[in-house]
Amino acid sequence: MRKKQSKMKKTRCPFLDENCLKENCELYNKVLDRCELSLLNYNLFQLMTVMRHQIEIESN
């Protein structure tokens, strides 16, 4: 069973404060018809891990 497409013609991106790019955005999930914020969380966690490791290397 497919999810209905959103009735909103233009949604706003919470990050860019512009119209949603939908398929041109890496965070947009077309199955859910919304941003996939868990991807953002995962990417931020990866960035934090790399930065922490880099700080440890520089401090030694």
C-alpha atoms as a PDB file:
ATOM      1  CA  MET A   1       0.000   0.000   0.000  1.00  0.00           C
ATOM      2  CA  ARG A   2       1.457   3.344  -1.021  1.00  0.00           C
ATOM      3  CA  LYS A   3       1.360   6.452   1.056  1.00  0.00           C
ATOM      4  CA  LYS A   4      -0.637   9.332  -0.376  1.00  0.00           C
ATOM      5  CA  GLN A   5       1.383  12.205  -1.673  1.00  0.00           C
ATOM      6  CA  SER A   6       1.265  15.276   0.476  1.00  0.00           C
ATOM      7  CA  LYS A   7      -1.570  17.706  -0.296  1.00  0.00           C
ATOM      8  CA  MET A   8       0.756  20.607   0.318  1.00  0.00           C
ATOM      9  CA  LYS A   9       2.022  21.889  -2.997  1.00  0.00           C
ATOM     10  CA  LYS A  10       5.037  23.675  -1.586  1.00  0.00           C
ATOM     11  CA  THR A  11       6.609  22.748   1.700  1.00  0.00           C
ATOM     12  CA  ARG A  12       9.372  24.670   3.417  1.00  0.00           C
ATOM     13  CA  CYS A  13      12.785  23.228   4.135  1.00  0.00           C
ATOM     14  CA  PRO A  14      13.512  23.619   7.857  1.00  0.00           C
ATOM     15  CA  PHE A  15      17.245  23.918   7.173  1.00  0.00           C
ATOM     16  CA  LEU A  16      17.334  26.325   4.243  1.00  0.00           C
ATOM     17  CA  ASP A  17      14.103  28.237   4.864  1.00  0.00           C
ATOM     18  CA  GLU A  18      13.257  27.851   1.181  1.00  0.00           C
ATOM     19  CA  ASN A  19      10.888  25.670  -0.808  1.00  0.00           C
ATOM     20  CA  CYS A  20      11.520  21.972  -0.410  1.00  0.00           C
ATOM     21  CA  LEU A  21      13.773  20.495  -3.115  1.00  0.00           C
ATOM     22  CA  LYS A  22      12.257  17.028  -2.695  1.00  0.00           C
ATOM     23  CA  GLU A  23      14.137  14.608  -4.997  1.00  0.00           C
ATOM     24  CA  ASN A  24      17.083  16.993  -5.322  1.00  0.00           C
ATOM     25  CA  CYS A  25      17.707  16.860  -1.587  1.00  0.00           C
ATOM     26  CA  GLU A  26      19.730  14.140   0.103  1.00  0.00           C
ATOM     27  CA  LEU A  27      17.556  14.243   3.229  1.00  0.00           C
ATOM     28  CA  TYR A  28      14.209  13.892   1.451  1.00  0.00           C
ATOM     29  CA  ASN A  29      12.578  10.473   1.676  1.00  0.00           C
ATOM     30  CA  LYS A  30      10.018  10.022  -1.092  1.00  0.00           C
ATOM     31  CA  VAL A  31       8.408   7.018   0.621  1.00  0.00           C
ATOM     32  CA  LEU A  32       7.662   9.087   3.716  1.00  0.00           C
ATOM     33  CA  ASP A  33       7.175  12.307   1.715  1.00  0.00           C
ATOM     34  CA  ARG A  34       9.242  14.287   4.207  1.00  0.00           C
ATOM     35  CA  CYS A  35      12.778  14.903   5.415  1.00  0.00           C
ATOM     36  CA  GLU A  36      14.581  11.932   6.859  1.00  0.00           C
ATOM     37  CA  LEU A  37      16.040  13.510   9.979  1.00  0.00           C
ATOM     38  CA  SER A  38      17.622  10.290  11.167  1.00  0.00           C
ATOM     39  CA  LEU A  39      20.120  10.667   8.309  1.00  0.00           C
ATOM     40  CA  LEU A  40      21.082  14.038   9.648  1.00  0.00           C
ATOM     41  CA  ASN A  41      21.560  12.575  13.130  1.00  0.00           C
ATOM     42  CA  TYR A  42      23.727   9.785  11.765  1.00  0.00           C
ATOM     43  CA  ASN A  43      25.860  12.189   9.718  1.00  0.00           C
ATOM     44  CA  LEU A  44      26.341  14.498  12.692  1.00  0.00           C
ATOM     45  CA  PHE A  45      27.371  11.550  14.844  1.00  0.00           C
ATOM     46  CA  GLN A  46      29.926  10.489  12.227  1.00  0.00           C
ATOM     47  CA  LEU A  47      31.265  14.033  12.003  1.00  0.00           C
ATOM     48  CA  MET A  48      31.537  14.283  15.786  1.00  0.00           C
ATOM     49  CA  THR A  49      33.443  10.990  15.940  1.00  0.00           C
ATOM     50  CA  VAL A  50      35.929  12.052  13.275  1.00  0.00           C
ATOM     51  CA  MET A  51      36.422  15.468  14.849  1.00  0.00           C
ATOM     52  CA  ARG A  52      36.988  13.963  18.289  1.00  0.00           C
ATOM     53  CA  HIS A  53      39.543  11.566  16.835  1.00  0.00           C
ATOM     54  CA  GLN A  54      41.281  14.432  15.028  1.00  0.00           C
ATOM     55  CA  ILE A  55      41.473  16.489  18.228  1.00  0.00           C
ATOM     56  CA  GLU A  56      43.021  13.541  20.058  1.00  0.00           C
ATOM     57  CA  ILE A  57      45.652  13.130  17.323  1.00  0.00           C
ATOM     58  CA  GLU A  58      46.525  16.831  17.387  1.00  0.00           C
ATOM     59  CA  SER A  59      46.799  16.969  21.159  1.00  0.00           C
ATOM     60  CA  ASN A  60      49.309  14.077  21.285  1.00  0.00           C
END
